[in-house]
């Protein structure tokens, strides 16, 4: 994860960099997989076709880095910044 921040609502936001995403289906796959992680509340993707996309995950507390890496892998993409 490249960065984490805590907002006023008590949620932590993690910013991930993911490569290989090219379309709306990619966004849906990553969003669904990350949304299954314990504590995850919201997933937003800034798609960069042909490049590295930014993925923001809001969660209650810090996310488990192994769970994040596994979710990205399960969706079929590559986590650029290792958690």
N, C-alpha and C. Protein backbone atom coordinates (compact mmCIF):
# COMPACT_ATOMS: atom_id res chain seq x y z
N UNK A 1 0.85 -1.15 0.00
CA UNK A 1 0.00 0.00 0.00
C UNK A 1 0.89 1.22 0.00
N UNK A 2 0.56 2.16 -0.79
CA UNK A 2 1.45 3.30 -0.88
C UNK A 2 1.18 4.33 0.19
N UNK A 3 -0.03 4.40 0.72
CA UNK A 3 -0.32 5.39 1.75
C UNK A 3 -1.58 5.01 2.49
N UNK A 4 -1.67 5.45 3.74
CA UNK A 4 -2.89 5.30 4.50
C UNK A 4 -3.16 6.61 5.21
N UNK A 5 -4.44 6.88 5.44
CA UNK A 5 -4.85 8.11 6.10
C UNK A 5 -6.13 7.82 6.85
N UNK A 6 -6.34 8.47 7.99
CA UNK A 6 -7.57 8.28 8.74
C UNK A 6 -8.40 9.55 8.63
N UNK A 7 -9.71 9.38 8.27
CA UNK A 7 -10.58 10.54 8.13
C UNK A 7 -11.39 10.78 9.40
N UNK A 8 -12.23 11.81 9.38
CA UNK A 8 -13.00 12.20 10.55
C UNK A 8 -14.03 11.15 10.97
N UNK A 9 -14.46 10.30 10.06
CA UNK A 9 -15.45 9.27 10.38
C UNK A 9 -14.80 8.05 11.03
N UNK A 10 -13.50 8.10 11.26
CA UNK A 10 -12.81 6.98 11.89
C UNK A 10 -12.40 5.89 10.92
N UNK A 11 -12.59 6.12 9.63
CA UNK A 11 -12.19 5.14 8.63
C UNK A 11 -10.77 5.42 8.16
N UNK A 12 -10.06 4.37 7.86
CA UNK A 12 -8.71 4.48 7.30
C UNK A 12 -8.81 4.31 5.80
N UNK A 13 -8.13 5.15 5.05
CA UNK A 13 -8.11 5.04 3.60
C UNK A 13 -6.74 4.59 3.15
N UNK A 14 -6.71 3.47 2.42
CA UNK A 14 -5.47 2.95 1.87
C UNK A 14 -5.46 3.22 0.38
N UNK A 15 -4.33 3.69 -0.13
CA UNK A 15 -4.18 3.96 -1.56
C UNK A 15 -3.28 2.89 -2.14
N UNK A 16 -3.85 2.12 -3.08
CA UNK A 16 -3.11 1.03 -3.72
C UNK A 16 -2.81 1.40 -5.16
N UNK A 17 -1.76 0.82 -5.71
CA UNK A 17 -1.44 0.96 -7.12
C UNK A 17 -1.54 -0.43 -7.75
N UNK A 18 -2.38 -0.53 -8.78
CA UNK A 18 -2.67 -1.82 -9.41
C UNK A 18 -2.45 -1.72 -10.91
N UNK A 19 -1.75 -2.68 -11.50
CA UNK A 19 -1.55 -2.67 -12.94
C UNK A 19 -2.36 -3.78 -13.60
N UNK A 20 -2.62 -3.59 -14.90
CA UNK A 20 -3.31 -4.59 -15.68
C UNK A 20 -4.79 -4.33 -15.87
N UNK A 21 -5.33 -3.32 -15.22
CA UNK A 21 -6.75 -3.01 -15.35
C UNK A 21 -6.96 -2.15 -16.60
N UNK A 22 -7.97 -2.50 -17.40
CA UNK A 22 -8.17 -1.76 -18.65
C UNK A 22 -9.61 -1.33 -18.90
N UNK A 23 -10.58 -1.81 -18.10
CA UNK A 23 -11.98 -1.54 -18.43
C UNK A 23 -12.86 -1.59 -17.19
N UNK A 24 -14.15 -1.36 -17.41
CA UNK A 24 -15.12 -1.40 -16.33
C UNK A 24 -15.22 -2.76 -15.66
N UNK A 25 -15.06 -3.82 -16.44
CA UNK A 25 -15.09 -5.17 -15.86
C UNK A 25 -13.92 -5.35 -14.89
N UNK A 26 -12.77 -4.82 -15.24
CA UNK A 26 -11.59 -4.89 -14.36
C UNK A 26 -11.89 -4.18 -13.04
N UNK A 27 -12.48 -3.00 -13.15
CA UNK A 27 -12.84 -2.21 -11.96
C UNK A 27 -13.79 -3.01 -11.08
N UNK A 28 -14.80 -3.61 -11.70
CA UNK A 28 -15.79 -4.39 -10.95
C UNK A 28 -15.13 -5.56 -10.23
N UNK A 29 -14.26 -6.28 -10.90
CA UNK A 29 -13.57 -7.43 -10.29
C UNK A 29 -12.75 -7.02 -9.08
N UNK A 30 -11.96 -5.98 -9.24
CA UNK A 30 -11.11 -5.52 -8.14
C UNK A 30 -11.96 -4.99 -6.99
N UNK A 31 -13.00 -4.22 -7.32
CA UNK A 31 -13.88 -3.67 -6.30
C UNK A 31 -14.54 -4.78 -5.49
N UNK A 32 -15.04 -5.81 -6.17
CA UNK A 32 -15.70 -6.92 -5.47
C UNK A 32 -14.72 -7.68 -4.57
N UNK A 33 -13.54 -7.98 -5.08
CA UNK A 33 -12.57 -8.75 -4.29
C UNK A 33 -12.10 -7.96 -3.06
N UNK A 34 -11.77 -6.69 -3.26
CA UNK A 34 -11.33 -5.88 -2.11
C UNK A 34 -12.46 -5.65 -1.13
N UNK A 35 -13.68 -5.55 -1.62
CA UNK A 35 -14.84 -5.34 -0.76
C UNK A 35 -15.12 -6.52 0.17
N UNK A 36 -14.57 -7.67 -0.13
CA UNK A 36 -14.75 -8.87 0.69
C UNK A 36 -13.79 -8.93 1.87
N UNK A 37 -12.80 -8.07 1.88
CA UNK A 37 -11.81 -8.08 2.97
C UNK A 37 -12.46 -7.57 4.25
N UNK A 38 -12.17 -8.24 5.34
CA UNK A 38 -12.73 -7.85 6.63
C UNK A 38 -12.38 -6.39 6.94
N UNK A 39 -13.39 -5.61 7.26
CA UNK A 39 -13.21 -4.21 7.61
C UNK A 39 -13.37 -3.23 6.47
N UNK A 40 -13.30 -3.71 5.22
CA UNK A 40 -13.43 -2.82 4.06
C UNK A 40 -14.85 -2.26 3.99
N UNK A 41 -14.96 -0.96 3.76
CA UNK A 41 -16.27 -0.31 3.70
C UNK A 41 -16.57 0.29 2.33
N UNK A 42 -15.56 0.79 1.63
CA UNK A 42 -15.77 1.44 0.34
C UNK A 42 -14.51 1.28 -0.51
N UNK A 43 -14.72 1.01 -1.81
CA UNK A 43 -13.61 0.87 -2.74
C UNK A 43 -13.87 1.80 -3.92
N UNK A 44 -12.89 2.63 -4.26
CA UNK A 44 -12.99 3.52 -5.41
C UNK A 44 -11.77 3.30 -6.29
N UNK A 45 -12.00 3.25 -7.61
CA UNK A 45 -10.92 3.00 -8.55
C UNK A 45 -10.80 4.16 -9.53
N UNK A 46 -9.58 4.68 -9.69
CA UNK A 46 -9.27 5.66 -10.73
C UNK A 46 -8.54 4.89 -11.82
N UNK A 47 -9.31 4.44 -12.81
CA UNK A 47 -8.78 3.58 -13.87
C UNK A 47 -7.86 4.35 -14.80
N UNK A 48 -6.68 3.77 -15.03
CA UNK A 48 -5.72 4.29 -16.00
C UNK A 48 -5.44 3.15 -16.96
N UNK A 49 -6.13 3.12 -18.08
CA UNK A 49 -5.98 2.03 -19.04
C UNK A 49 -4.56 2.02 -19.59
N UNK A 50 -3.91 0.87 -19.51
CA UNK A 50 -2.55 0.74 -20.01
C UNK A 50 -1.50 1.25 -19.05
N UNK A 51 -1.91 1.61 -17.84
CA UNK A 51 -0.96 2.11 -16.86
C UNK A 51 -1.28 1.57 -15.48
N UNK A 52 -0.86 2.30 -14.47
CA UNK A 52 -1.08 1.90 -13.09
C UNK A 52 -2.28 2.68 -12.55
N UNK A 53 -3.30 1.95 -12.15
CA UNK A 53 -4.52 2.56 -11.61
C UNK A 53 -4.39 2.74 -10.11
N UNK A 54 -5.04 3.78 -9.60
CA UNK A 54 -5.08 4.04 -8.16
C UNK A 54 -6.38 3.46 -7.61
N UNK A 55 -6.28 2.75 -6.51
CA UNK A 55 -7.44 2.17 -5.86
C UNK A 55 -7.46 2.65 -4.41
N UNK A 56 -8.55 3.27 -3.99
CA UNK A 56 -8.70 3.76 -2.63
C UNK A 56 -9.65 2.83 -1.91
N UNK A 57 -9.22 2.33 -0.76
CA UNK A 57 -10.05 1.44 0.05
C UNK A 57 -10.23 2.07 1.42
N UNK A 58 -11.48 2.39 1.76
CA UNK A 58 -11.80 2.89 3.10
C UNK A 58 -12.15 1.70 3.96
N UNK A 59 -11.62 1.68 5.17
CA UNK A 59 -11.84 0.53 6.04
C UNK A 59 -11.86 0.96 7.49
N UNK A 60 -12.41 0.07 8.30
CA UNK A 60 -12.36 0.24 9.75
C UNK A 60 -11.03 -0.34 10.18
N UNK A 61 -10.09 0.51 10.52
CA UNK A 61 -8.75 0.04 10.87
C UNK A 61 -7.93 -0.29 9.64
N UNK A 62 -6.71 -0.68 9.87
CA UNK A 62 -5.80 -1.02 8.78
C UNK A 62 -6.18 -2.36 8.16
N UNK A 63 -6.02 -2.47 6.86
CA UNK A 63 -6.29 -3.72 6.16
C UNK A 63 -5.11 -4.67 6.30
N UNK A 64 -5.40 -5.95 6.28
CA UNK A 64 -4.37 -6.98 6.33
C UNK A 64 -3.64 -6.98 4.98
N UNK A 65 -2.34 -6.67 4.95
CA UNK A 65 -1.60 -6.62 3.69
C UNK A 65 -1.67 -7.91 2.88
N UNK A 66 -1.64 -9.05 3.55
CA UNK A 66 -1.73 -10.33 2.85
C UNK A 66 -3.09 -10.50 2.19
N UNK A 67 -4.15 -10.04 2.86
CA UNK A 67 -5.50 -10.13 2.31
C UNK A 67 -5.64 -9.22 1.10
N UNK A 68 -5.03 -8.05 1.16
CA UNK A 68 -5.06 -7.11 0.03
C UNK A 68 -4.36 -7.72 -1.18
N UNK A 69 -3.16 -8.24 -0.97
CA UNK A 69 -2.40 -8.85 -2.06
C UNK A 69 -3.15 -10.03 -2.66
N UNK A 70 -3.76 -10.86 -1.80
CA UNK A 70 -4.51 -12.02 -2.28
C UNK A 70 -5.75 -11.60 -3.07
N UNK A 71 -6.43 -10.54 -2.64
CA UNK A 71 -7.63 -10.06 -3.33
C UNK A 71 -7.29 -9.54 -4.71
N UNK A 72 -6.21 -8.78 -4.82
CA UNK A 72 -5.79 -8.25 -6.13
C UNK A 72 -5.39 -9.40 -7.04
N UNK A 73 -4.67 -10.38 -6.51
CA UNK A 73 -4.26 -11.54 -7.28
C UNK A 73 -5.48 -12.35 -7.73
N UNK A 74 -6.43 -12.55 -6.84
CA UNK A 74 -7.65 -13.31 -7.16
C UNK A 74 -8.43 -12.64 -8.28
N UNK A 75 -8.42 -11.30 -8.30
CA UNK A 75 -9.12 -10.56 -9.36
C UNK A 75 -8.37 -10.66 -10.69
N UNK A 76 -7.10 -11.08 -10.64
CA UNK A 76 -6.33 -11.27 -11.86
C UNK A 76 -5.42 -10.10 -12.24
N UNK A 77 -5.07 -9.28 -11.26
CA UNK A 77 -4.25 -8.10 -11.54
C UNK A 77 -3.02 -8.10 -10.64
N UNK A 78 -2.16 -7.11 -10.84
CA UNK A 78 -0.90 -7.06 -10.10
C UNK A 78 -0.87 -5.85 -9.19
N UNK A 79 -0.58 -6.10 -7.91
CA UNK A 79 -0.40 -5.04 -6.95
C UNK A 79 1.02 -4.50 -7.14
N UNK A 80 1.13 -3.24 -7.55
CA UNK A 80 2.43 -2.66 -7.87
C UNK A 80 3.20 -2.33 -6.60
N UNK A 81 2.55 -1.69 -5.64
CA UNK A 81 3.20 -1.39 -4.38
C UNK A 81 2.84 -2.49 -3.41
N UNK A 82 3.83 -3.18 -2.91
CA UNK A 82 3.58 -4.29 -1.99
C UNK A 82 3.13 -3.78 -0.64
N UNK A 83 2.08 -4.40 -0.09
CA UNK A 83 1.59 -3.96 1.23
C UNK A 83 2.57 -4.31 2.33
